[in-house]
Amino acid sequence: MAEPRAKSGLLKEMSAEFAGTMILILFGCGVVAQVAAGELTDPPGGLGDHDSISWAWGLGVTLGVYVAARLSGAHLNPAVTVALAAFRGFSWAKVLPYALAQTAGAFVAALLVRWNYSEALAKIDPGHTVKTQTVFSTLPANGNPALPVHEWGAFRDQVIGTAILLLLIMAVTDMLNTAPAANMGPFITGLIVVGIGMAWGTNAGYAINPARDFGPRLASFLTGYGGAWRDQYGNFYFWVPILGPLVGGLLGAGLYKFFVGRLLPTALPEPPGRTPRSES
């Protein structure tokens, strides 16, 4: 009976990862679509800007984590899952199922955003080109050819941005450190994403999450964005926000362990018959 229960437990975790990532993308891709629709207001730009995008992505992370945390730990990001397997003892056997569930949740959410904003996207960009591709997936320099960032510059950016993300996630979830209390961890994690968006969003759109980028990119390709796999220069780009975050996540988690985690005092069990003591 142990094996069926284990499979059932994994299915529950995958369901939570699917739902949590779907919430993340509904807010994230949704806000970018709304800002793009602002081109139709008078004057243009009346439906948001880069700051509203950063805040909505952060809120999407917060709410997605609250949705999924009890069942799966709310990774919502294959880079997080891989880093936790490498440095926190998460089961390597669950890495691929988690990543598939995360990508599926992102894909379904992006389809909903695509459907809901279909009229606005058709009006702004009838050819469904790189002009509105950033609603769904990232591009070097957010698709701006005036800023000369190409694949390897964007790869560098994704490694650094995801390293920052994982270093901070490892810190705020480390119970031997000063982890947020009163169930504030998801809120703090959302603020981390807001900060990364505001400070590291120029060169590559801060995907920092392979599922967040690949799922919506696939959804856009299947719904009319024939150039979804390429950047504004015509180069294959889809691999950058997949490989860059995976490398950066391992780097950031490793840096946290080396500089902080391994130096923290080890939690010792209370002597038999003693109640746990407060640190205050």
C-alpha atoms as a PDB file:
ATOM      1  CA  MET A   1       0.000   0.000   0.000  1.00  0.00           C
ATOM      2  CA  ALA A   2       2.939   2.361   0.454  1.00  0.00           C
ATOM      3  CA  GLU A   3       3.596   2.771  -3.278  1.00  0.00           C
ATOM      4  CA  PRO A   4       0.021   3.818  -4.246  1.00  0.00           C
ATOM      5  CA  ARG A   5      -0.024   6.290  -1.351  1.00  0.00           C
ATOM      6  CA  ALA A   6       3.289   7.742  -2.521  1.00  0.00           C
ATOM      7  CA  LYS A   7       1.928   8.154  -6.041  1.00  0.00           C
ATOM      8  CA  SER A   8      -1.225   9.731  -4.686  1.00  0.00           C
ATOM      9  CA  GLY A   9       0.872  12.154  -2.642  1.00  0.00           C
ATOM     10  CA  LEU A  10       2.890  13.147  -5.703  1.00  0.00           C
ATOM     11  CA  LEU A  11      -0.295  13.759  -7.694  1.00  0.00           C
ATOM     12  CA  LYS A  12      -1.538  16.064  -4.947  1.00  0.00           C
ATOM     13  CA  GLU A  13       1.741  17.950  -5.018  1.00  0.00           C
ATOM     14  CA  MET A  14       1.641  18.236  -8.800  1.00  0.00           C
ATOM     15  CA  SER A  15      -1.948  19.492  -8.616  1.00  0.00           C
ATOM     16  CA  ALA A  16      -0.876  22.201  -6.178  1.00  0.00           C
ATOM     17  CA  GLU A  17       2.100  23.187  -8.341  1.00  0.00           C
ATOM     18  CA  PHE A  18      -0.199  23.389 -11.364  1.00  0.00           C
ATOM     19  CA  ALA A  19      -2.721  25.597  -9.548  1.00  0.00           C
ATOM     20  CA  GLY A  20      -0.128  27.837  -7.888  1.00  0.00           C
ATOM     21  CA  THR A  21       1.777  28.431 -11.124  1.00  0.00           C
ATOM     22  CA  MET A  22      -1.479  29.085 -12.949  1.00  0.00           C
ATOM     23  CA  ILE A  23      -2.319  31.847 -10.461  1.00  0.00           C
ATOM     24  CA  LEU A  24       1.167  33.313 -10.890  1.00  0.00           C
ATOM     25  CA  ILE A  25       0.800  33.518 -14.674  1.00  0.00           C
ATOM     26  CA  LEU A  26      -2.786  34.773 -14.614  1.00  0.00           C
ATOM     27  CA  PHE A  27      -1.559  37.830 -12.755  1.00  0.00           C
ATOM     28  CA  GLY A  28       1.804  38.100 -14.529  1.00  0.00           C
ATOM     29  CA  CYS A  29       0.852  37.689 -18.178  1.00  0.00           C
ATOM     30  CA  GLY A  30      -2.467  39.370 -17.436  1.00  0.00           C
ATOM     31  CA  VAL A  31      -0.866  42.593 -16.269  1.00  0.00           C
ATOM     32  CA  VAL A  32       1.464  42.740 -19.276  1.00  0.00           C
ATOM     33  CA  ALA A  33      -1.529  42.272 -21.585  1.00  0.00           C
ATOM     34  CA  GLN A  34      -3.351  45.076 -19.780  1.00  0.00           C
ATOM     35  CA  VAL A  35      -0.368  47.415 -20.101  1.00  0.00           C
ATOM     36  CA  ALA A  36      -0.127  46.530 -23.809  1.00  0.00           C
ATOM     37  CA  ALA A  37      -3.828  47.335 -24.188  1.00  0.00           C
ATOM     38  CA  GLY A  38      -3.015  50.774 -22.789  1.00  0.00           C
ATOM     39  CA  GLU A  39      -1.779  51.664 -26.259  1.00  0.00           C
ATOM     40  CA  LEU A  40      -5.452  52.023 -27.165  1.00  0.00           C
ATOM     41  CA  THR A  41      -6.255  54.598 -24.469  1.00  0.00           C
ATOM     42  CA  ASP A  42      -6.216  58.342 -25.020  1.00  0.00           C
ATOM     43  CA  PRO A  43      -3.539  59.320 -24.271  1.00  0.00           C
ATOM     44  CA  PRO A  44      -1.708  56.021 -24.786  1.00  0.00           C
ATOM     45  CA  GLY A  45      -0.313  54.243 -21.738  1.00  0.00           C
ATOM     46  CA  GLY A  46      -3.340  54.657 -19.497  1.00  0.00           C
ATOM     47  CA  LEU A  47      -3.477  51.081 -18.231  1.00  0.00           C
ATOM     48  CA  GLY A  48      -0.192  50.720 -16.398  1.00  0.00           C
ATOM     49  CA  ASP A  49       3.566  50.744 -16.755  1.00  0.00           C
ATOM     50  CA  HIS A  50       6.689  48.873 -15.727  1.00  0.00           C
ATOM     51  CA  ASP A  51       5.988  49.434 -12.033  1.00  0.00           C
ATOM     52  CA  SER A  52       2.490  47.976 -12.235  1.00  0.00           C
ATOM     53  CA  ILE A  53       3.977  44.988 -14.075  1.00  0.00           C
ATOM     54  CA  SER A  54       6.563  44.450 -11.336  1.00  0.00           C
ATOM     55  CA  TRP A  55       3.968  44.686  -8.571  1.00  0.00           C
ATOM     56  CA  ALA A  56       1.469  42.376 -10.267  1.00  0.00           C
ATOM     57  CA  TRP A  57       4.128  39.716 -10.903  1.00  0.00           C
ATOM     58  CA  GLY A  58       5.123  39.928  -7.253  1.00  0.00           C
ATOM     59  CA  LEU A  59       1.506  39.640  -6.111  1.00  0.00           C
ATOM     60  CA  GLY A  60       1.061  36.684  -8.452  1.00  0.00           C
ATOM     61  CA  VAL A  61       3.981  34.943  -6.753  1.00  0.00           C
ATOM     62  CA  THR A  62       2.606  35.704  -3.292  1.00  0.00           C
ATOM     63  CA  LEU A  63      -0.889  34.440  -4.075  1.00  0.00           C
ATOM     64  CA  GLY A  64       0.389  31.411  -5.974  1.00  0.00           C
ATOM     65  CA  VAL A  65       2.522  30.413  -3.003  1.00  0.00           C
ATOM     66  CA  TYR A  66      -0.415  30.764  -0.634  1.00  0.00           C
ATOM     67  CA  VAL A  67      -2.438  28.499  -2.942  1.00  0.00           C
ATOM     68  CA  ALA A  68       0.123  25.700  -3.184  1.00  0.00           C
ATOM     69  CA  ALA A  69       2.342  25.857  -0.111  1.00  0.00           C
ATOM     70  CA  ARG A  70       0.554  23.364   2.136  1.00  0.00           C
ATOM     71  CA  LEU A  71       0.570  20.526  -0.380  1.00  0.00           C
ATOM     72  CA  SER A  72       3.753  20.997  -2.402  1.00  0.00           C
ATOM     73  CA  GLY A  73       5.882  23.673  -0.806  1.00  0.00           C
ATOM     74  CA  ALA A  74       4.913  26.013  -3.666  1.00  0.00           C
ATOM     75  CA  HIS A  75       8.048  25.958  -5.787  1.00  0.00           C
ATOM     76  CA  LEU A  76       6.188  27.304  -8.870  1.00  0.00           C
ATOM     77  CA  ASN A  77       9.509  27.361 -10.707  1.00  0.00           C
ATOM     78  CA  PRO A  78      11.736  24.531 -11.995  1.00  0.00           C
ATOM     79  CA  ALA A  79      14.825  26.547 -11.020  1.00  0.00           C
ATOM     80  CA  VAL A  80      13.599  26.509  -7.418  1.00  0.00           C
ATOM     81  CA  THR A  81      12.804  22.796  -7.582  1.00  0.00           C
ATOM     82  CA  VAL A  82      16.244  21.892  -8.957  1.00  0.00           C
ATOM     83  CA  ALA A  83      18.027  24.084  -6.401  1.00  0.00           C
ATOM     84  CA  LEU A  84      16.058  22.551  -3.511  1.00  0.00           C
ATOM     85  CA  ALA A  85      16.919  19.074  -4.771  1.00  0.00           C
ATOM     86  CA  ALA A  86      20.591  20.003  -4.931  1.00  0.00           C
ATOM     87  CA  PHE A  87      20.854  21.810  -1.584  1.00  0.00           C
ATOM     88  CA  ARG A  88      17.810  21.046   0.609  1.00  0.00           C
ATOM     89  CA  GLY A  89      17.258  17.318   0.159  1.00  0.00           C
ATOM     90  CA  PHE A  90      14.198  17.563  -2.078  1.00  0.00           C
ATOM     91  CA  SER A  91      13.657  14.302  -3.957  1.00  0.00           C
ATOM     92  CA  TRP A  92      15.300  14.280  -7.377  1.00  0.00           C
ATOM     93  CA  ALA A  93      12.584  11.845  -8.485  1.00  0.00           C
ATOM     94  CA  LYS A  94      10.030  14.645  -8.086  1.00  0.00           C
ATOM     95  CA  VAL A  95      11.933  17.280 -10.044  1.00  0.00           C
ATOM     96  CA  LEU A  96      10.589  16.378 -13.487  1.00  0.00           C
ATOM     97  CA  PRO A  97       6.964  15.862 -12.328  1.00  0.00           C
ATOM     98  CA  TYR A  98       7.054  19.217 -10.541  1.00  0.00           C
ATOM     99  CA  ALA A  99       8.518  20.947 -13.594  1.00  0.00           C
ATOM    100  CA  LEU A 100       5.873  19.435 -15.858  1.00  0.00           C
ATOM    101  CA  ALA A 101       3.069  20.509 -13.525  1.00  0.00           C
ATOM    102  CA  GLN A 102       4.494  24.026 -13.272  1.00  0.00           C
ATOM    103  CA  THR A 103       4.831  24.331 -17.039  1.00  0.00           C
ATOM    104  CA  ALA A 104       1.309  22.997 -17.585  1.00  0.00           C
ATOM    105  CA  GLY A 105      -0.112  25.522 -15.122  1.00  0.00           C
ATOM    106  CA  ALA A 106       1.724  28.340 -16.875  1.00  0.00           C
ATOM    107  CA  PHE A 107       0.518  27.093 -20.271  1.00  0.00           C
ATOM    108  CA  VAL A 108      -3.151  26.972 -19.263  1.00  0.00           C
ATOM    109  CA  ALA A 109      -2.999  30.386 -17.605  1.00  0.00           C
ATOM    110  CA  ALA A 110      -1.411  31.910 -20.701  1.00  0.00           C
ATOM    111  CA  LEU A 111      -4.159  30.441 -22.880  1.00  0.00           C
ATOM    112  CA  LEU A 112      -6.732  32.143 -20.650  1.00  0.00           C
ATOM    113  CA  VAL A 113      -4.902  35.468 -20.920  1.00  0.00           C
ATOM    114  CA  ARG A 114      -4.594  35.039 -24.691  1.00  0.00           C
ATOM    115  CA  TRP A 115      -8.322  34.351 -25.012  1.00  0.00           C
ATOM    116  CA  ASN A 116      -9.415  37.142 -22.710  1.00  0.00           C
ATOM    117  CA  TYR A 117      -7.259  39.801 -24.375  1.00  0.00           C
ATOM    118  CA  SER A 118      -7.726  38.506 -27.928  1.00  0.00           C
ATOM    119  CA  GLU A 119      -9.555  41.617 -29.162  1.00  0.00           C
ATOM    120  CA  ALA A 120      -7.006  44.044 -27.758  1.00  0.00           C
ATOM    121  CA  LEU A 121      -4.041  42.034 -29.041  1.00  0.00           C
ATOM    122  CA  ALA A 122      -5.585  41.768 -32.506  1.00  0.00           C
ATOM    123  CA  LYS A 123      -6.145  45.528 -32.605  1.00  0.00           C
ATOM    124  CA  ILE A 124      -2.679  46.477 -31.353  1.00  0.00           C
ATOM    125  CA  ASP A 125      -0.757  43.829 -33.280  1.00  0.00           C
ATOM    126  CA  PRO A 126      -2.822  42.182 -36.043  1.00  0.00           C
ATOM    127  CA  GLY A 127       0.112  40.069 -37.180  1.00  0.00           C
ATOM    128  CA  HIS A 128       0.812  38.769 -33.661  1.00  0.00           C
ATOM    129  CA  THR A 129       4.461  39.707 -33.883  1.00  0.00           C
ATOM    130  CA  VAL A 130       7.283  40.452 -31.487  1.00  0.00           C
ATOM    131  CA  LYS A 131       5.456  43.682 -30.655  1.00  0.00           C
ATOM    132  CA  THR A 132       3.129  41.847 -28.247  1.00  0.00           C
ATOM    133  CA  GLN A 133       5.109  38.631 -27.750  1.00  0.00           C
ATOM    134  CA  THR A 134       6.313  40.057 -24.425  1.00  0.00           C
ATOM    135  CA  VAL A 135       2.783  39.624 -23.076  1.00  0.00           C
ATOM    136  CA  PHE A 136       3.572  35.922 -22.905  1.00  0.00           C
ATOM    137  CA  SER A 137       7.322  35.377 -22.906  1.00  0.00           C
ATOM    138  CA  THR A 138      10.515  37.305 -22.498  1.00  0.00           C
ATOM    139  CA  LEU A 139      12.838  38.791 -25.095  1.00  0.00           C
ATOM    140  CA  PRO A 140      16.269  40.432 -24.931  1.00  0.00           C
ATOM    141  CA  ALA A 141      15.799  44.065 -23.923  1.00  0.00           C
ATOM    142  CA  ASN A 142      12.037  43.366 -23.810  1.00  0.00           C
ATOM    143  CA  GLY A 143      12.023  43.316 -27.597  1.00  0.00           C
ATOM    144  CA  ASN A 144      13.629  46.738 -27.972  1.00  0.00           C
ATOM    145  CA  PRO A 145      16.168  46.650 -30.838  1.00  0.00           C
ATOM    146  CA  ALA A 146      17.575  50.028 -29.755  1.00  0.00           C
ATOM    147  CA  LEU A 147      19.156  48.357 -26.696  1.00  0.00           C
ATOM    148  CA  PRO A 148      21.829  46.014 -28.070  1.00  0.00           C
ATOM    149  CA  VAL A 149      21.281  43.011 -25.808  1.00  0.00           C
ATOM    150  CA  HIS A 150      21.480  39.637 -27.535  1.00  0.00           C
ATOM    151  CA  GLU A 151      21.281  36.007 -26.431  1.00  0.00           C
ATOM    152  CA  TRP A 152      24.423  35.789 -24.341  1.00  0.00           C
ATOM    153  CA  GLY A 153      23.856  39.128 -22.662  1.00  0.00           C
ATOM    154  CA  ALA A 154      20.353  37.986 -21.780  1.00  0.00           C
ATOM    155  CA  PHE A 155      21.718  34.621 -20.596  1.00  0.00           C
ATOM    156  CA  ARG A 156      24.108  36.428 -18.257  1.00  0.00           C
ATOM    157  CA  ASP A 157      21.217  38.524 -16.978  1.00  0.00           C
ATOM    158  CA  GLN A 158      19.075  35.449 -16.285  1.00  0.00           C
ATOM    159  CA  VAL A 159      21.875  33.703 -14.428  1.00  0.00           C
ATOM    160  CA  ILE A 160      22.411  36.722 -12.189  1.00  0.00           C
ATOM    161  CA  GLY A 161      18.717  37.450 -11.631  1.00  0.00           C
ATOM    162  CA  THR A 162      17.854  33.859 -10.748  1.00  0.00           C
ATOM    163  CA  ALA A 163      20.918  33.577  -8.513  1.00  0.00           C
ATOM    164  CA  ILE A 164      19.623  36.560  -6.546  1.00  0.00           C
ATOM    165  CA  LEU A 165      16.164  34.965  -6.370  1.00  0.00           C
ATOM    166  CA  LEU A 166      17.408  31.619  -5.053  1.00  0.00           C
ATOM    167  CA  LEU A 167      19.910  33.101  -2.637  1.00  0.00           C
ATOM    168  CA  LEU A 168      17.086  35.085  -1.063  1.00  0.00           C
ATOM    169  CA  ILE A 169      14.567  32.236  -1.152  1.00  0.00           C
ATOM    170  CA  MET A 170      17.083  29.999   0.596  1.00  0.00           C
ATOM    171  CA  ALA A 171      17.555  32.702   3.217  1.00  0.00           C
ATOM    172  CA  VAL A 172      13.899  33.386   3.946  1.00  0.00           C
ATOM    173  CA  THR A 173      13.015  29.689   4.105  1.00  0.00           C
ATOM    174  CA  ASP A 174      15.950  28.671   6.318  1.00  0.00           C
ATOM    175  CA  MET A 175      14.511  27.998   9.774  1.00  0.00           C
ATOM    176  CA  LEU A 176      18.002  28.227  11.269  1.00  0.00           C
ATOM    177  CA  ASN A 177      18.213  31.793   9.994  1.00  0.00           C
ATOM    178  CA  THR A 178      15.684  34.590  10.680  1.00  0.00           C
ATOM    179  CA  ALA A 179      12.882  33.200   8.523  1.00  0.00           C
ATOM    180  CA  PRO A 180       9.723  35.358   8.308  1.00  0.00           C
ATOM    181  CA  ALA A 181       7.183  34.468  10.987  1.00  0.00           C
ATOM    182  CA  ALA A 182       3.364  34.589  11.046  1.00  0.00           C
ATOM    183  CA  ASN A 183       3.075  32.969   7.597  1.00  0.00           C
ATOM    184  CA  MET A 184       4.689  36.006   5.968  1.00  0.00           C
ATOM    185  CA  GLY A 185       7.080  33.959   3.834  1.00  0.00           C
ATOM    186  CA  PRO A 186       4.932  34.113   0.660  1.00  0.00           C
ATOM    187  CA  PHE A 187       4.570  37.884   1.011  1.00  0.00           C
ATOM    188  CA  ILE A 188       8.317  38.355   1.386  1.00  0.00           C
ATOM    189  CA  THR A 189       8.937  36.062  -1.588  1.00  0.00           C
ATOM    190  CA  GLY A 190       6.600  38.219  -3.651  1.00  0.00           C
ATOM    191  CA  LEU A 191       8.523  41.323  -2.621  1.00  0.00           C
ATOM    192  CA  ILE A 192      11.745  39.647  -3.763  1.00  0.00           C
ATOM    193  CA  VAL A 193      10.232  39.247  -7.226  1.00  0.00           C
ATOM    194  CA  VAL A 194       9.025  42.862  -7.211  1.00  0.00           C
ATOM    195  CA  GLY A 195      12.545  44.005  -6.374  1.00  0.00           C
ATOM    196  CA  ILE A 196      14.127  41.858  -9.076  1.00  0.00           C
ATOM    197  CA  GLY A 197      11.615  43.192 -11.589  1.00  0.00           C
ATOM    198  CA  MET A 198      12.409  46.781 -10.714  1.00  0.00           C
ATOM    199  CA  ALA A 199      16.184  46.320 -10.650  1.00  0.00           C
ATOM    200  CA  TRP A 200      16.828  43.532 -13.180  1.00  0.00           C
ATOM    201  CA  GLY A 201      14.011  43.811 -15.709  1.00  0.00           C
ATOM    202  CA  THR A 202      15.748  45.668 -18.541  1.00  0.00           C
ATOM    203  CA  ASN A 203      18.058  43.197 -20.260  1.00  0.00           C
ATOM    204  CA  ALA A 204      15.838  40.116 -20.468  1.00  0.00           C
ATOM    205  CA  GLY A 205      12.476  40.770 -18.845  1.00  0.00           C
ATOM    206  CA  TYR A 206      13.316  38.860 -15.609  1.00  0.00           C
ATOM    207  CA  ALA A 207      11.777  35.492 -16.486  1.00  0.00           C
ATOM    208  CA  ILE A 208      13.904  33.849 -13.734  1.00  0.00           C
ATOM    209  CA  ASN A 209      11.637  30.816 -14.172  1.00  0.00           C
ATOM    210  CA  PRO A 210      11.734  28.288 -17.048  1.00  0.00           C
ATOM    211  CA  ALA A 211       8.063  27.295 -16.641  1.00  0.00           C
ATOM    212  CA  ARG A 212       6.935  30.922 -16.539  1.00  0.00           C
ATOM    213  CA  ASP A 213       8.555  31.490 -19.928  1.00  0.00           C
ATOM    214  CA  PHE A 214       8.205  28.214 -21.804  1.00  0.00           C
ATOM    215  CA  GLY A 215       4.552  27.497 -20.948  1.00  0.00           C
ATOM    216  CA  PRO A 216       3.244  30.889 -22.148  1.00  0.00           C
ATOM    217  CA  ARG A 217       5.643  30.877 -25.113  1.00  0.00           C
ATOM    218  CA  LEU A 218       4.168  27.569 -26.251  1.00  0.00           C
ATOM    219  CA  ALA A 219       0.636  28.895 -25.701  1.00  0.00           C
ATOM    220  CA  SER A 220       1.359  31.971 -27.809  1.00  0.00           C
ATOM    221  CA  PHE A 221       2.935  29.880 -30.581  1.00  0.00           C
ATOM    222  CA  LEU A 222      -0.132  27.653 -30.768  1.00  0.00           C
ATOM    223  CA  THR A 223      -2.450  30.657 -30.949  1.00  0.00           C
ATOM    224  CA  GLY A 224      -0.908  32.642 -33.770  1.00  0.00           C
ATOM    225  CA  TYR A 225       2.536  33.887 -32.682  1.00  0.00           C
ATOM    226  CA  GLY A 226       4.574  32.082 -35.307  1.00  0.00           C
ATOM    227  CA  GLY A 227       7.832  33.740 -34.250  1.00  0.00           C
ATOM    228  CA  ALA A 228       7.485  32.873 -30.580  1.00  0.00           C
ATOM    229  CA  TRP A 229      10.709  30.862 -30.452  1.00  0.00           C
ATOM    230  CA  ARG A 230      12.839  33.709 -31.827  1.00  0.00           C
ATOM    231  CA  ASP A 231      13.827  37.164 -30.645  1.00  0.00           C
ATOM    232  CA  GLN A 232      13.480  40.503 -32.416  1.00  0.00           C
ATOM    233  CA  TYR A 233      16.673  39.776 -34.362  1.00  0.00           C
ATOM    234  CA  GLY A 234      15.340  36.480 -35.703  1.00  0.00           C
ATOM    235  CA  ASN A 235      17.622  34.343 -33.534  1.00  0.00           C
ATOM    236  CA  PHE A 236      16.440  31.298 -31.587  1.00  0.00           C
ATOM    237  CA  TYR A 237      15.991  32.607 -28.076  1.00  0.00           C
ATOM    238  CA  PHE A 238      13.616  30.299 -26.196  1.00  0.00           C
ATOM    239  CA  TRP A 239      16.493  28.382 -24.587  1.00  0.00           C
ATOM    240  CA  VAL A 240      17.850  31.446 -22.745  1.00  0.00           C
ATOM    241  CA  PRO A 241      15.068  31.765 -20.106  1.00  0.00           C
ATOM    242  CA  ILE A 242      15.187  27.995 -19.588  1.00  0.00           C
ATOM    243  CA  LEU A 243      18.895  27.307 -19.201  1.00  0.00           C
ATOM    244  CA  GLY A 244      19.855  30.653 -17.639  1.00  0.00           C
ATOM    245  CA  PRO A 245      17.528  30.316 -14.632  1.00  0.00           C
ATOM    246  CA  LEU A 246      18.503  26.678 -14.039  1.00  0.00           C
ATOM    247  CA  VAL A 247      22.180  27.651 -13.888  1.00  0.00           C
ATOM    248  CA  GLY A 248      21.501  30.789 -11.863  1.00  0.00           C
ATOM    249  CA  GLY A 249      19.300  28.979  -9.357  1.00  0.00           C
ATOM    250  CA  LEU A 250      22.034  26.471  -8.558  1.00  0.00           C
ATOM    251  CA  LEU A 251      24.574  29.270  -8.316  1.00  0.00           C
ATOM    252  CA  GLY A 252      22.457  31.365  -5.948  1.00  0.00           C
ATOM    253  CA  ALA A 253      21.546  28.460  -3.702  1.00  0.00           C
ATOM    254  CA  GLY A 254      25.185  27.387  -3.595  1.00  0.00           C
ATOM    255  CA  LEU A 255      26.320  30.884  -2.686  1.00  0.00           C
ATOM    256  CA  TYR A 256      23.828  31.023   0.174  1.00  0.00           C
ATOM    257  CA  LYS A 257      25.003  27.687   1.520  1.00  0.00           C
ATOM    258  CA  PHE A 258      28.676  28.639   1.254  1.00  0.00           C
ATOM    259  CA  PHE A 259      28.483  32.138   2.730  1.00  0.00           C
ATOM    260  CA  VAL A 260      25.666  31.703   5.251  1.00  0.00           C
ATOM    261  CA  GLY A 261      23.898  28.364   5.511  1.00  0.00           C
ATOM    262  CA  ARG A 262      26.849  26.208   6.482  1.00  0.00           C
ATOM    263  CA  LEU A 263      27.903  28.741   9.129  1.00  0.00           C
ATOM    264  CA  LEU A 264      24.596  28.902  10.998  1.00  0.00           C
ATOM    265  CA  PRO A 265      24.338  27.191  14.394  1.00  0.00           C
ATOM    266  CA  THR A 266      22.833  23.725  14.200  1.00  0.00           C
ATOM    267  CA  ALA A 267      19.482  23.227  15.851  1.00  0.00           C
ATOM    268  CA  LEU A 268      19.902  20.800  18.767  1.00  0.00           C
ATOM    269  CA  PRO A 269      17.045  18.651  20.092  1.00  0.00           C
ATOM    270  CA  GLU A 270      15.707  19.466  23.539  1.00  0.00           C
ATOM    271  CA  PRO A 271      16.752  17.034  26.290  1.00  0.00           C
ATOM    272  CA  PRO A 272      14.196  14.280  26.989  1.00  0.00           C
ATOM    273  CA  GLY A 273      11.333  15.466  29.158  1.00  0.00           C
ATOM    274  CA  ARG A 274      11.941  19.161  28.429  1.00  0.00           C
ATOM    275  CA  THR A 275       9.481  21.423  26.671  1.00  0.00           C
ATOM    276  CA  PRO A 276      10.819  23.521  23.776  1.00  0.00           C
ATOM    277  CA  ARG A 277      12.244  26.826  24.996  1.00  0.00           C
ATOM    278  CA  SER A 278      11.468  30.191  23.460  1.00  0.00           C
ATOM    279  CA  GLU A 279      14.413  32.106  22.051  1.00  0.00           C
ATOM    280  CA  SER A 280      12.938  35.384  23.304  1.00  0.00           C
END
